[in-house]
C-alpha atoms as a PDB file:
ATOM      1  CA  UNK A   1     128.259 113.307 118.027  1.00  0.00           C
ATOM      2  CA  UNK A   2     129.140 110.031 116.349  1.00  0.00           C
ATOM      3  CA  UNK A   3     126.938 107.016 117.067  1.00  0.00           C
ATOM      4  CA  UNK A   4     128.543 104.495 119.430  1.00  0.00           C
ATOM      5  CA  UNK A   5     128.482 100.709 119.628  1.00  0.00           C
ATOM      6  CA  UNK A   6     126.051 100.983 122.541  1.00  0.00           C
ATOM      7  CA  UNK A   7     123.748 103.045 120.323  1.00  0.00           C
ATOM      8  CA  UNK A   8     123.898 100.314 117.691  1.00  0.00           C
ATOM      9  CA  UNK A   9     123.107  97.581 120.221  1.00  0.00           C
ATOM     10  CA  UNK A  10     120.081  99.540 121.395  1.00  0.00           C
ATOM     11  CA  UNK A  11     118.983 100.123 117.794  1.00  0.00           C
ATOM     12  CA  UNK A  12     119.441  96.426 116.910  1.00  0.00           C
ATOM     13  CA  UNK A  13     117.425  95.261 119.928  1.00  0.00           C
ATOM     14  CA  UNK A  14     114.598  97.651 119.102  1.00  0.00           C
ATOM     15  CA  UNK A  15     114.441  97.019 115.327  1.00  0.00           C
ATOM     16  CA  UNK A  16     115.118  93.263 115.099  1.00  0.00           C
ATOM     17  CA  UNK A  17     111.455  92.177 115.524  1.00  0.00           C
ATOM     18  CA  UNK A  18     110.354  94.543 112.740  1.00  0.00           C
ATOM     19  CA  UNK A  19     113.202  93.491 110.473  1.00  0.00           C
ATOM     20  CA  UNK A  20     112.429  89.823 111.155  1.00  0.00           C
ATOM     21  CA  UNK A  21     108.746  90.254 110.280  1.00  0.00           C
ATOM     22  CA  UNK A  22     109.615  91.852 106.959  1.00  0.00           C
ATOM     23  CA  UNK A  23     112.329  89.277 106.288  1.00  0.00           C
ATOM     24  CA  UNK A  24     109.945  86.401 106.991  1.00  0.00           C
ATOM     25  CA  UNK A  25     107.360  87.840 104.626  1.00  0.00           C
ATOM     26  CA  UNK A  26     110.004  88.266 101.931  1.00  0.00           C
ATOM     27  CA  UNK A  27     111.914  85.009 102.394  1.00  0.00           C
ATOM     28  CA  UNK A  28     109.016  82.765 103.302  1.00  0.00           C
ATOM     29  CA  UNK A  29     110.790  80.739 105.973  1.00  0.00           C
ATOM     30  CA  UNK A  30     112.335  81.237 109.365  1.00  0.00           C
ATOM     31  CA  UNK A  31     115.896  80.254 108.478  1.00  0.00           C
ATOM     32  CA  UNK A  32     116.246  82.557 105.499  1.00  0.00           C
ATOM     33  CA  UNK A  33     114.560  85.348 107.451  1.00  0.00           C
ATOM     34  CA  UNK A  34     117.046  84.989 110.301  1.00  0.00           C
ATOM     35  CA  UNK A  35     119.929  85.038 107.805  1.00  0.00           C
ATOM     36  CA  UNK A  36     118.524  88.160 106.162  1.00  0.00           C
ATOM     37  CA  UNK A  37     118.196  89.976 109.485  1.00  0.00           C
ATOM     38  CA  UNK A  38     121.688  88.942 110.517  1.00  0.00           C
ATOM     39  CA  UNK A  39     123.214  90.112 107.254  1.00  0.00           C
ATOM     40  CA  UNK A  40     121.240  93.362 107.423  1.00  0.00           C
ATOM     41  CA  UNK A  41     122.431  94.077 110.956  1.00  0.00           C
ATOM     42  CA  UNK A  42     126.019  93.279 109.947  1.00  0.00           C
ATOM     43  CA  UNK A  43     125.790  95.779 107.101  1.00  0.00           C
ATOM     44  CA  UNK A  44     124.218  98.336 109.415  1.00  0.00           C
ATOM     45  CA  UNK A  45     126.997  97.841 111.972  1.00  0.00           C
ATOM     46  CA  UNK A  46     129.670  98.448 109.333  1.00  0.00           C
ATOM     47  CA  UNK A  47     127.886 101.629 108.230  1.00  0.00           C
ATOM     48  CA  UNK A  48     126.908 102.731 111.751  1.00  0.00           C
ATOM     49  CA  UNK A  49     129.669 105.341 112.314  1.00  0.00           C
ATOM     50  CA  UNK A  50     128.602 107.222 109.175  1.00  0.00           C
ATOM     51  CA  UNK A  51     124.855 107.064 109.837  1.00  0.00           C
ATOM     52  CA  UNK A  52     124.765 110.320 111.780  1.00  0.00           C
ATOM     53  CA  UNK A  53     123.776 112.050 108.545  1.00  0.00           C
ATOM     54  CA  UNK A  54     120.760 109.750 107.994  1.00  0.00           C
ATOM     55  CA  UNK A  55     117.479 111.061 109.389  1.00  0.00           C
ATOM     56  CA  UNK A  56     115.736 107.708 109.824  1.00  0.00           C
ATOM     57  CA  UNK A  57     118.046 104.725 110.522  1.00  0.00           C
ATOM     58  CA  UNK A  58     115.031 102.394 110.884  1.00  0.00           C
ATOM     59  CA  UNK A  59     113.881 103.115 107.327  1.00  0.00           C
ATOM     60  CA  UNK A  60     117.463 102.774 106.130  1.00  0.00           C
ATOM     61  CA  UNK A  61     117.642  99.336 107.784  1.00  0.00           C
ATOM     62  CA  UNK A  62     114.430  98.268 105.996  1.00  0.00           C
ATOM     63  CA  UNK A  63     115.953  99.416 102.713  1.00  0.00           C
ATOM     64  CA  UNK A  64     119.137  97.465 103.418  1.00  0.00           C
ATOM     65  CA  UNK A  65     117.029  94.394 104.270  1.00  0.00           C
ATOM     66  CA  UNK A  66     114.999  94.599 101.066  1.00  0.00           C
ATOM     67  CA  UNK A  67     118.021  95.120  98.851  1.00  0.00           C
ATOM     68  CA  UNK A  68     119.862  92.287 100.603  1.00  0.00           C
ATOM     69  CA  UNK A  69     116.884  90.002  99.956  1.00  0.00           C
ATOM     70  CA  UNK A  70     116.802  90.859  96.260  1.00  0.00           C
ATOM     71  CA  UNK A  71     120.568  90.400  96.019  1.00  0.00           C
ATOM     72  CA  UNK A  72     120.423  87.021  97.787  1.00  0.00           C
ATOM     73  CA  UNK A  73     117.713  85.763  95.452  1.00  0.00           C
ATOM     74  CA  UNK A  74     120.096  86.226  92.548  1.00  0.00           C
ATOM     75  CA  UNK A  75     122.626  83.868  94.128  1.00  0.00           C
ATOM     76  CA  UNK A  76     122.677  80.202  93.321  1.00  0.00           C
ATOM     77  CA  UNK A  77     122.847  79.268  97.021  1.00  0.00           C
ATOM     78  CA  UNK A  78     119.324  80.628  97.571  1.00  0.00           C
ATOM     79  CA  UNK A  79     117.867  77.237  96.666  1.00  0.00           C
ATOM     80  CA  UNK A  80     119.515  75.593  99.687  1.00  0.00           C
ATOM     81  CA  UNK A  81     117.006  74.367 102.234  1.00  0.00           C
ATOM     82  CA  UNK A  82     117.704  73.668 105.909  1.00  0.00           C
ATOM     83  CA  UNK A  83     117.034  70.107 107.017  1.00  0.00           C
ATOM     84  CA  UNK A  84     116.802  70.408 110.782  1.00  0.00           C
ATOM     85  CA  UNK A  85     113.549  69.536 112.505  1.00  0.00           C
ATOM     86  CA  UNK A  86     111.153  72.338 113.263  1.00  0.00           C
ATOM     87  CA  UNK A  87     111.157  73.152 116.980  1.00  0.00           C
ATOM     88  CA  UNK A  88     107.942  73.452 118.922  1.00  0.00           C
ATOM     89  CA  UNK A  89     106.480  76.942 118.866  1.00  0.00           C
ATOM     90  CA  UNK A  90     103.870  78.730 120.855  1.00  0.00           C
ATOM     91  CA  UNK A  91     100.611  79.340 119.050  1.00  0.00           C
ATOM     92  CA  UNK A  92     100.568  82.631 117.232  1.00  0.00           C
ATOM     93  CA  UNK A  93      97.434  84.658 116.786  1.00  0.00           C
ATOM     94  CA  UNK A  94      95.936  84.663 113.321  1.00  0.00           C
ATOM     95  CA  UNK A  95      94.628  82.170 110.880  1.00  0.00           C
ATOM     96  CA  UNK A  96      97.267  79.586 109.896  1.00  0.00           C
ATOM     97  CA  UNK A  97      95.364  78.700 106.713  1.00  0.00           C
ATOM     98  CA  UNK A  98      95.450  82.310 105.608  1.00  0.00           C
ATOM     99  CA  UNK A  99      99.134  82.632 106.457  1.00  0.00           C
ATOM    100  CA  UNK A 100     100.074  79.451 104.563  1.00  0.00           C
ATOM    101  CA  UNK A 101      97.997  80.353 101.506  1.00  0.00           C
ATOM    102  CA  UNK A 102      99.500  83.810 101.371  1.00  0.00           C
ATOM    103  CA  UNK A 103     103.034  82.513 101.910  1.00  0.00           C
ATOM    104  CA  UNK A 104     102.618  79.968  99.117  1.00  0.00           C
ATOM    105  CA  UNK A 105     101.205  82.581  96.742  1.00  0.00           C
ATOM    106  CA  UNK A 106     103.967  85.091  97.551  1.00  0.00           C
ATOM    107  CA  UNK A 107     106.612  82.408  96.961  1.00  0.00           C
ATOM    108  CA  UNK A 108     105.473  82.086  93.345  1.00  0.00           C
ATOM    109  CA  UNK A 109     106.087  85.756  92.583  1.00  0.00           C
ATOM    110  CA  UNK A 110     109.338  87.194  91.289  1.00  0.00           C
ATOM    111  CA  UNK A 111     111.572  88.569  94.075  1.00  0.00           C
ATOM    112  CA  UNK A 112     111.036  92.200  93.098  1.00  0.00           C
ATOM    113  CA  UNK A 113     107.248  91.732  92.834  1.00  0.00           C
ATOM    114  CA  UNK A 114     107.232  90.093  96.237  1.00  0.00           C
ATOM    115  CA  UNK A 115     109.332  92.901  97.719  1.00  0.00           C
ATOM    116  CA  UNK A 116     106.980  95.533  96.292  1.00  0.00           C
ATOM    117  CA  UNK A 117     103.870  93.847  97.705  1.00  0.00           C
ATOM    118  CA  UNK A 118     105.412  93.231 101.119  1.00  0.00           C
ATOM    119  CA  UNK A 119     106.642  96.805 101.414  1.00  0.00           C
ATOM    120  CA  UNK A 120     103.425  98.359 100.109  1.00  0.00           C
ATOM    121  CA  UNK A 121     100.844  96.285 101.948  1.00  0.00           C
ATOM    122  CA  UNK A 122     102.518  94.589 104.921  1.00  0.00           C
ATOM    123  CA  UNK A 123     104.895  97.412 105.809  1.00  0.00           C
ATOM    124  CA  UNK A 124     102.266 100.007 104.806  1.00  0.00           C
ATOM    125  CA  UNK A 125     104.667 102.168 102.826  1.00  0.00           C
ATOM    126  CA  UNK A 126     103.735 104.709 100.197  1.00  0.00           C
ATOM    127  CA  UNK A 127     104.563 104.226  96.534  1.00  0.00           C
ATOM    128  CA  UNK A 128     107.206 106.947  96.843  1.00  0.00           C
ATOM    129  CA  UNK A 129     108.850 105.252  99.842  1.00  0.00           C
ATOM    130  CA  UNK A 130     108.977 101.901  98.059  1.00  0.00           C
ATOM    131  CA  UNK A 131     110.365 103.545  94.922  1.00  0.00           C
ATOM    132  CA  UNK A 132     113.083 105.196  96.978  1.00  0.00           C
ATOM    133  CA  UNK A 133     113.887 101.959  98.834  1.00  0.00           C
ATOM    134  CA  UNK A 134     114.167  99.930  95.650  1.00  0.00           C
ATOM    135  CA  UNK A 135     115.784 102.586  93.495  1.00  0.00           C
ATOM    136  CA  UNK A 136     112.872 102.707  91.047  1.00  0.00           C
ATOM    137  CA  UNK A 137     110.512 105.406  89.824  1.00  0.00           C
ATOM    138  CA  UNK A 138     107.080 105.719  91.466  1.00  0.00           C
ATOM    139  CA  UNK A 139     105.332 104.958  88.170  1.00  0.00           C
ATOM    140  CA  UNK A 140     107.287 101.713  87.868  1.00  0.00           C
ATOM    141  CA  UNK A 141     106.277 100.753  91.413  1.00  0.00           C
ATOM    142  CA  UNK A 142     102.582 101.440  90.684  1.00  0.00           C
ATOM    143  CA  UNK A 143     102.767  99.312  87.528  1.00  0.00           C
ATOM    144  CA  UNK A 144     104.653  96.525  89.278  1.00  0.00           C
ATOM    145  CA  UNK A 145     102.192  96.589  92.196  1.00  0.00           C
ATOM    146  CA  UNK A 146      99.231  96.264  89.857  1.00  0.00           C
ATOM    147  CA  UNK A 147     100.774  93.430  87.875  1.00  0.00           C
ATOM    148  CA  UNK A 148     102.001  91.628  91.010  1.00  0.00           C
ATOM    149  CA  UNK A 149      98.510  91.820  92.540  1.00  0.00           C
ATOM    150  CA  UNK A 150      97.067  90.379  89.328  1.00  0.00           C
ATOM    151  CA  UNK A 151      99.589  87.515  89.479  1.00  0.00           C
ATOM    152  CA  UNK A 152      98.808  87.001  93.150  1.00  0.00           C
ATOM    153  CA  UNK A 153      95.085  86.776  92.377  1.00  0.00           C
ATOM    154  CA  UNK A 154      95.832  84.267  89.612  1.00  0.00           C
ATOM    155  CA  UNK A 155      97.982  82.150  91.928  1.00  0.00           C
ATOM    156  CA  UNK A 156      95.429  82.245  94.745  1.00  0.00           C
ATOM    157  CA  UNK A 157      92.566  81.420  92.395  1.00  0.00           C
ATOM    158  CA  UNK A 158      89.495  80.259  94.299  1.00  0.00           C
ATOM    159  CA  UNK A 159      91.350  80.743  97.609  1.00  0.00           C
ATOM    160  CA  UNK A 160      91.238  84.516  97.045  1.00  0.00           C
ATOM    161  CA  UNK A 161      87.476  84.657  97.680  1.00  0.00           C
ATOM    162  CA  UNK A 162      87.850  82.518 100.796  1.00  0.00           C
ATOM    163  CA  UNK A 163      90.719  84.658 102.120  1.00  0.00           C
ATOM    164  CA  UNK A 164      88.832  87.889 101.547  1.00  0.00           C
ATOM    165  CA  UNK A 165      85.858  86.533 103.477  1.00  0.00           C
ATOM    166  CA  UNK A 166      88.104  86.050 106.532  1.00  0.00           C
END
């Protein structure tokens, strides 16, 4: 049975929060994250009729999101920044200092390094899953993870000890 538009709408409603979380961690701001999720869902909708052969559409959507992020970072328009005022938001649980320090440190990494760290540690994926998602070999992902963590520690500097203590 071929997936229907109603099936896609149900899938999109269920997966959007997870896609947004990953997109925010990758992109570093709300506007780019929303754009990434929107573009990912548009690509998923176009591919939806043929997805009956895919075992895990949620994982496929995460792969599409990550590859879209890496592709967008190569574009010149990535440096555009929205200028609208930030709306009021409800308080979110967690330490804002930790979140800002981590966001700043992640922003200084190369897009592929950032993608590897987000997928490995925030999305809790195995090396093999990340390698498959990014079209790399597992050994390359292990090496990139190690080097990206070293760069992250360098960028965080003295903040790293403070963040670990939290």
